[in-house]
Amino acid sequence: MREWSVSLEDWPYRRPFKIARATLTHATNLQISVSDGFHVGAGECEPHETDRSFAETVNNSAEAFLHSQGNDLERNALQNALPASPIRNAIDCALWDLEAKRLKTPVSSLIAPGGSSRLPITGTVSLDKPSVMAEEAASVAPDASVLKVKLGGAPAEDIARLKHVRAACPDQEIIVDANGGWDVRGLETTGIALHHLGVRLIEQPLPPGEDQHLSTVNCPVPLCADESVTDAASLDALPCGYAAINIKLDKCGGLTEALELADAAKERGLRFMVGSNGGTSLAAAPAYWLAARGAIYADIDSPKMLARDRPEAMVFEDGFVHAPSTDLWG
């Protein structure tokens, strides 16, 4: 007989985390656990970046759904029972974790055999004044292989921000994330300048629905879709002009769907990176093994941004993140 538990938890950030649409002081995460009486599997999601009441609604919805499913819910059935969502991600990852423990077979051997014992990690620089961002970049860079710089303001302001970051970190590989904060003209202006500053990738430059004309935009930096792509089915509607996609487990609805999405992207000639929201190591662990299947970037540094983490937390050092312990997940 299976027993499910659902809990909503607040995880403070070490410092306020600023992006184009909000300033975040903590992550509110939903943990879902499932027990078969002998083994316990767990998964985690972030229901919403800023809205606590919405997260509480998701918590209640998760409890109601799991109560309605009884004891026989399996991953394959889950994909049809719920749409792509953070709830489905947490349940899906809990079922993966339970399956691995029951089979005494690590998830890594099931989905990423021969996967690396460590991956290069991004370090996030949040949106702020140019001088503040330069200072943060300098502090983050020693522990990151790649800097991910949050932008999303007026072109002149964003160019100034990146110039300060580049001056502080002249040799660092840099990607940027506009969080949909630009328009077409802003992308062309900013993109050319960022190319000269050595930026390797621009993530979600335009809001979803406003990126239909990306293929005609003069931007020499490759573009990566984030909010414009969710699950594998959404790839059919992805506008031309993107070279890569960002796969997030919360967004696509779990590791099961993420694996399908990664394969579908490769078939279309798209590369993929793996991102995360404000999760602890419990959320980053399944994302790690997805990234081990060939991601261009592993943007799963959210546990480093928290003031505290789970027991058996993932290890971040020297610009790399080490494979998660099976005592943590999988």
Protein backbone atom coordinates (compact mmCIF):
# COMPACT_ATOMS: atom_id res chain seq x y z
CA MET A 1 0.00 0.00 0.00
CA ARG A 2 1.35 3.41 -0.94
CA GLU A 3 1.18 6.46 1.24
CA TRP A 4 1.68 9.98 -0.13
CA SER A 5 2.67 13.13 1.74
CA VAL A 6 2.70 16.72 0.52
CA SER A 7 4.34 19.71 2.22
CA LEU A 8 4.96 23.35 1.30
CA GLU A 9 8.32 24.74 2.43
CA ASP A 10 10.06 28.13 2.33
CA TRP A 11 13.77 28.24 1.48
CA PRO A 12 15.38 31.70 1.90
CA TYR A 13 17.91 32.96 -0.62
CA ARG A 14 21.35 34.02 0.59
CA ARG A 15 20.68 37.42 -0.98
CA PRO A 16 17.70 38.89 -2.86
CA PHE A 17 17.53 37.43 -6.36
CA LYS A 18 16.48 39.91 -9.05
CA ILE A 19 15.18 39.05 -12.50
CA ALA A 20 13.38 41.16 -15.10
CA ARG A 21 9.94 40.58 -13.60
CA ALA A 22 10.52 40.30 -9.85
CA THR A 23 12.83 40.44 -6.84
CA LEU A 24 12.78 37.18 -4.88
CA THR A 25 13.78 36.72 -1.25
CA HIS A 26 12.95 33.03 -0.92
CA ALA A 27 11.74 30.01 -2.85
CA THR A 28 8.47 28.35 -1.87
CA ASN A 29 8.79 24.69 -2.84
CA LEU A 30 6.43 21.75 -2.74
CA GLN A 31 7.83 18.40 -1.63
CA ILE A 32 5.95 15.21 -2.44
CA SER A 33 6.94 11.87 -0.97
CA VAL A 34 5.61 8.37 -1.64
CA SER A 35 6.19 5.25 0.45
CA ASP A 36 5.47 1.63 -0.35
CA GLY A 37 6.04 0.65 3.28
CA PHE A 38 9.69 -0.20 2.70
CA HIS A 39 11.08 2.54 0.47
CA VAL A 40 10.42 6.27 0.18
CA GLY A 41 10.68 8.30 -3.00
CA ALA A 42 10.67 12.09 -3.07
CA GLY A 43 10.34 14.92 -5.57
CA GLU A 44 10.24 18.69 -5.38
CA CYS A 45 8.84 21.55 -7.43
CA GLU A 46 8.40 25.30 -7.22
CA PRO A 47 4.68 26.00 -7.85
CA HIS A 48 5.19 29.75 -8.40
CA GLU A 49 8.08 32.19 -8.12
CA THR A 50 6.26 34.94 -6.23
CA ASP A 51 2.66 34.03 -5.34
CA ARG A 52 2.40 32.22 -1.99
CA SER A 53 -1.40 31.89 -2.23
CA PHE A 54 -1.06 30.20 -5.61
CA ALA A 55 1.51 27.82 -4.15
CA GLU A 56 -0.93 26.95 -1.37
CA THR A 57 -3.61 26.25 -3.95
CA VAL A 58 -1.20 23.94 -5.79
CA ASN A 59 -0.43 22.18 -2.50
CA ASN A 60 -4.14 21.53 -1.95
CA SER A 61 -4.59 20.39 -5.54
CA ALA A 62 -1.71 17.93 -5.20
CA GLU A 63 -3.23 16.43 -2.05
CA ALA A 64 -6.63 16.10 -3.71
CA PHE A 65 -5.19 14.52 -6.84
CA LEU A 66 -3.09 11.97 -4.98
CA HIS A 67 -6.03 11.07 -2.74
CA SER A 68 -8.17 10.45 -5.83
CA GLN A 69 -5.58 8.15 -7.45
CA GLY A 70 -5.37 5.50 -4.76
CA ASN A 71 -2.35 3.23 -4.60
CA ASP A 72 -1.72 2.34 -8.21
CA LEU A 73 -0.47 5.56 -9.78
CA GLU A 74 2.50 4.90 -12.06
CA ARG A 75 4.62 7.22 -14.19
CA ASN A 76 3.07 6.23 -17.52
CA ALA A 77 -0.46 6.84 -16.25
CA LEU A 78 0.62 10.12 -14.64
CA GLN A 79 1.46 11.65 -18.03
CA ASN A 80 -2.20 11.36 -19.07
CA ALA A 81 -3.69 12.13 -15.67
CA LEU A 82 -2.16 15.59 -15.31
CA PRO A 83 -1.01 18.29 -17.76
CA ALA A 84 2.60 19.46 -17.75
CA SER A 85 3.00 21.32 -14.47
CA PRO A 86 5.16 21.59 -11.34
CA ILE A 87 2.79 19.19 -9.52
CA ARG A 88 3.34 16.52 -12.14
CA ASN A 89 7.09 17.08 -11.93
CA ALA A 90 7.23 16.50 -8.18
CA ILE A 91 5.06 13.37 -8.42
CA ASP A 92 6.99 12.05 -11.42
CA CYS A 93 10.36 12.51 -9.71
CA ALA A 94 9.05 10.89 -6.53
CA LEU A 95 8.00 7.86 -8.58
CA TRP A 96 11.40 7.71 -10.31
CA ASP A 97 13.08 7.83 -6.90
CA LEU A 98 10.83 5.10 -5.50
CA GLU A 99 11.41 2.90 -8.55
CA ALA A 100 15.18 3.25 -8.25
CA LYS A 101 15.10 2.31 -4.59
CA ARG A 102 12.82 -0.68 -5.18
CA LEU A 103 14.97 -1.96 -8.04
CA LYS A 104 18.19 -1.10 -6.21
CA THR A 105 19.26 0.48 -9.50
CA PRO A 106 20.33 4.15 -9.66
CA VAL A 107 18.32 6.38 -11.96
CA SER A 108 21.62 7.33 -13.58
CA SER A 109 22.08 3.82 -14.95
CA LEU A 110 18.53 3.89 -16.34
CA ILE A 111 18.70 7.20 -18.21
CA ALA A 112 22.36 8.29 -18.44
CA PRO A 113 24.63 5.22 -18.33
CA GLY A 114 28.22 6.34 -18.41
CA GLY A 115 27.17 9.86 -17.47
CA SER A 116 29.79 12.14 -15.98
CA SER A 117 30.46 12.15 -12.25
CA ARG A 118 30.53 15.95 -12.46
CA LEU A 119 29.31 18.65 -14.83
CA PRO A 120 30.41 22.24 -15.50
CA ILE A 121 28.03 24.52 -13.64
CA THR A 122 26.65 27.96 -14.34
CA GLY A 123 26.75 30.72 -11.75
CA THR A 124 23.88 33.19 -11.79
CA VAL A 125 24.31 36.97 -11.65
CA SER A 126 21.00 38.63 -10.82
CA LEU A 127 19.68 41.82 -12.41
CA ASP A 128 20.86 44.98 -10.66
CA LYS A 129 22.93 48.11 -11.16
CA PRO A 130 26.03 47.57 -13.34
CA SER A 131 28.49 48.01 -10.47
CA VAL A 132 26.54 45.64 -8.22
CA MET A 133 26.36 43.01 -10.95
CA ALA A 134 30.10 43.32 -11.60
CA GLU A 135 30.77 42.74 -7.92
CA GLU A 136 28.47 39.72 -7.81
CA ALA A 137 30.00 38.31 -11.01
CA ALA A 138 33.48 38.57 -9.54
CA SER A 139 32.34 36.68 -6.44
CA VAL A 140 30.48 33.99 -8.41
CA ALA A 141 33.05 33.40 -11.16
CA PRO A 142 35.64 31.38 -9.18
CA ASP A 143 33.01 28.69 -8.50
CA ALA A 144 31.39 28.64 -11.95
CA SER A 145 32.49 27.43 -15.36
CA VAL A 146 29.95 29.75 -17.02
CA LEU A 147 28.28 32.96 -15.85
CA LYS A 148 24.57 33.31 -16.53
CA VAL A 149 23.79 37.02 -16.38
CA LYS A 150 20.23 38.21 -15.90
CA LEU A 151 19.25 41.13 -18.14
CA GLY A 152 15.94 42.44 -19.45
CA GLY A 153 16.02 46.24 -19.22
CA ALA A 154 16.50 49.01 -21.76
CA PRO A 155 19.26 48.26 -24.32
CA ALA A 156 21.67 50.94 -23.10
CA GLU A 157 21.25 49.82 -19.49
CA ASP A 158 21.74 46.13 -20.30
CA ILE A 159 24.81 46.84 -22.42
CA ALA A 160 26.28 48.83 -19.55
CA ARG A 161 25.55 45.95 -17.18
CA LEU A 162 27.30 43.44 -19.40
CA LYS A 163 30.29 45.73 -19.97
CA HIS A 164 30.79 45.95 -16.21
CA VAL A 165 30.45 42.18 -15.82
CA ARG A 166 32.88 41.54 -18.65
CA ALA A 167 35.40 43.97 -17.17
CA ALA A 168 35.16 42.14 -13.86
CA CYS A 169 35.45 38.71 -15.52
CA PRO A 170 37.44 39.19 -18.75
CA ASP A 171 38.03 35.48 -19.45
CA GLN A 172 34.75 33.96 -18.25
CA GLU A 173 32.30 32.26 -20.61
CA ILE A 174 29.03 34.20 -20.40
CA ILE A 175 25.44 33.53 -21.37
CA VAL A 176 22.57 35.91 -20.66
CA ASP A 177 18.89 35.53 -19.82
CA ALA A 178 16.53 38.36 -20.71
CA ASN A 179 13.46 36.61 -19.23
CA GLY A 180 11.39 37.95 -22.13
CA GLY A 181 12.26 41.53 -21.21
CA TRP A 182 13.16 42.91 -24.66
CA ASP A 183 11.34 43.77 -27.87
CA VAL A 184 12.63 43.13 -31.40
CA ARG A 185 14.51 46.42 -31.64
CA GLY A 186 16.00 45.91 -28.20
CA LEU A 187 17.17 42.43 -29.17
CA GLU A 188 18.90 43.66 -32.32
CA THR A 189 20.61 46.54 -30.52
CA THR A 190 21.59 44.55 -27.46
CA GLY A 191 22.44 41.35 -29.31
CA ILE A 192 25.07 42.97 -31.52
CA ALA A 193 26.72 44.61 -28.52
CA LEU A 194 26.66 41.38 -26.51
CA HIS A 195 28.26 39.53 -29.42
CA HIS A 196 31.20 41.93 -29.26
CA LEU A 197 31.41 41.31 -25.53
CA GLY A 198 31.77 37.56 -26.10
CA VAL A 199 28.31 36.39 -25.00
CA ARG A 200 27.72 32.80 -26.17
CA LEU A 201 23.92 32.46 -25.83
CA ILE A 202 20.85 34.65 -25.21
CA GLU A 203 17.98 32.98 -23.40
CA GLN A 204 14.33 34.02 -24.02
CA PRO A 205 14.96 37.51 -25.44
CA LEU A 206 11.30 38.21 -26.28
CA PRO A 207 8.08 37.33 -24.44
CA PRO A 208 6.34 34.15 -25.60
CA GLY A 209 3.97 34.99 -28.43
CA GLU A 210 6.09 37.94 -29.55
CA ASP A 211 8.92 35.85 -30.97
CA GLN A 212 7.28 34.82 -34.23
CA HIS A 213 9.66 36.92 -36.30
CA LEU A 214 12.94 35.91 -34.71
CA SER A 215 14.21 34.39 -37.94
CA THR A 216 14.31 37.89 -39.48
CA VAL A 217 16.09 39.51 -36.53
CA ASN A 218 19.73 40.48 -36.98
CA CYS A 219 21.27 38.95 -33.87
CA PRO A 220 24.69 37.25 -34.15
CA VAL A 221 24.35 35.50 -30.78
CA PRO A 222 22.49 32.12 -30.78
CA LEU A 223 19.08 32.25 -29.13
CA CYS A 224 17.59 29.81 -26.63
CA ALA A 225 13.89 29.39 -25.91
CA ASP A 226 12.73 29.06 -22.32
CA GLU A 227 9.15 30.14 -21.67
CA SER A 228 8.37 29.66 -25.38
CA VAL A 229 8.72 25.89 -25.10
CA THR A 230 7.16 23.69 -22.43
CA ASP A 231 6.77 20.02 -23.28
CA ALA A 232 7.57 17.92 -26.36
CA ALA A 233 4.26 18.77 -28.04
CA SER A 234 5.04 22.49 -27.84
CA LEU A 235 8.05 22.10 -30.13
CA ASP A 236 5.70 22.01 -33.12
CA ALA A 237 4.74 25.63 -32.42
CA LEU A 238 8.23 26.88 -31.56
CA PRO A 239 9.10 29.84 -33.79
CA CYS A 240 12.07 29.65 -36.13
CA GLY A 241 15.16 31.50 -35.03
CA TYR A 242 16.00 29.50 -31.93
CA ALA A 243 19.13 27.35 -31.82
CA ALA A 244 18.45 25.75 -28.44
CA ILE A 245 15.83 25.24 -25.76
CA ASN A 246 15.95 25.37 -21.98
CA ILE A 247 14.38 22.30 -20.39
CA LYS A 248 13.08 22.73 -16.85
CA LEU A 249 11.41 19.87 -15.04
CA ASP A 250 8.79 22.12 -13.44
CA LYS A 251 7.89 23.54 -16.83
CA CYS A 252 7.63 20.29 -18.79
CA GLY A 253 6.07 18.26 -15.99
CA GLY A 254 8.80 15.92 -14.84
CA LEU A 255 11.79 13.85 -15.80
CA THR A 256 9.75 11.45 -17.94
CA GLU A 257 8.56 14.26 -20.21
CA ALA A 258 11.96 15.99 -20.10
CA LEU A 259 13.66 12.95 -21.58
CA GLU A 260 11.15 12.90 -24.44
CA LEU A 261 11.57 16.65 -24.96
CA ALA A 262 15.37 16.38 -25.13
CA ASP A 263 15.15 13.61 -27.74
CA ALA A 264 12.56 15.53 -29.77
CA ALA A 265 14.73 18.66 -29.72
CA LYS A 266 17.73 16.73 -31.01
CA GLU A 267 15.63 15.34 -33.86
CA ARG A 268 14.82 18.94 -34.88
CA GLY A 269 18.45 20.01 -34.78
CA LEU A 270 18.03 21.96 -31.54
CA ARG A 271 20.52 21.77 -28.71
CA PHE A 272 19.31 21.88 -25.12
CA MET A 273 20.36 23.27 -21.79
CA VAL A 274 18.89 22.28 -18.45
CA GLY A 275 17.58 24.93 -16.11
CA SER A 276 15.92 25.05 -12.73
CA ASN A 277 13.79 27.31 -10.62
CA GLY A 278 14.46 28.03 -6.95
CA GLY A 279 14.84 24.41 -5.93
CA THR A 280 16.95 22.66 -3.35
CA SER A 281 19.28 19.79 -4.19
CA LEU A 282 16.22 17.52 -4.26
CA ALA A 283 15.01 19.39 -7.34
CA ALA A 284 18.47 19.69 -8.89
CA ALA A 285 19.31 15.97 -8.64
CA PRO A 286 17.00 14.67 -11.42
CA ALA A 287 17.91 17.73 -13.51
CA TYR A 288 21.56 16.71 -13.18
CA TRP A 289 20.98 13.34 -14.84
CA LEU A 290 19.00 14.97 -17.63
CA ALA A 291 21.91 17.36 -18.22
CA ALA A 292 24.30 14.40 -18.27
CA ARG A 293 22.63 13.26 -21.50
CA GLY A 294 24.29 16.01 -23.51
CA ALA A 295 23.13 19.44 -22.33
CA ILE A 296 25.18 22.41 -23.50
CA TYR A 297 24.75 24.07 -20.10
CA ALA A 298 23.71 22.82 -16.67
CA ASP A 299 22.01 25.82 -15.14
CA ILE A 300 21.11 24.03 -11.91
CA ASP A 301 22.91 26.19 -9.37
CA SER A 302 19.75 27.13 -7.43
CA PRO A 303 20.82 25.17 -4.31
CA LYS A 304 23.94 27.37 -4.09
CA MET A 305 21.73 30.46 -3.97
CA LEU A 306 19.84 29.24 -0.89
CA ALA A 307 20.78 29.99 2.70
CA ARG A 308 20.40 26.27 3.52
CA ASP A 309 19.85 23.00 1.68
CA ARG A 310 18.74 19.39 2.12
CA PRO A 311 20.75 16.76 3.95
CA GLU A 312 23.04 14.94 1.50
CA ALA A 313 23.13 18.18 -0.51
CA MET A 314 24.80 18.26 -3.89
CA VAL A 315 28.40 19.44 -3.97
CA PHE A 316 29.38 22.52 -5.98
CA GLU A 317 33.09 23.27 -6.22
CA ASP A 318 35.75 24.52 -8.65
CA GLY A 319 33.18 25.35 -11.30
CA PHE A 320 31.54 21.92 -11.28
CA VAL A 321 28.55 20.22 -9.70
CA HIS A 322 29.11 16.63 -8.61
CA ALA A 323 26.64 13.83 -9.26
CA PRO A 324 23.98 13.62 -6.55
CA SER A 325 24.18 10.98 -3.88
CA THR A 326 21.56 8.24 -4.18
CA ASP A 327 20.81 8.95 -0.53
CA LEU A 328 19.49 12.30 -1.71
CA TRP A 329 17.58 11.09 -4.79
CA GLY A 330 17.63 8.40 -7.43
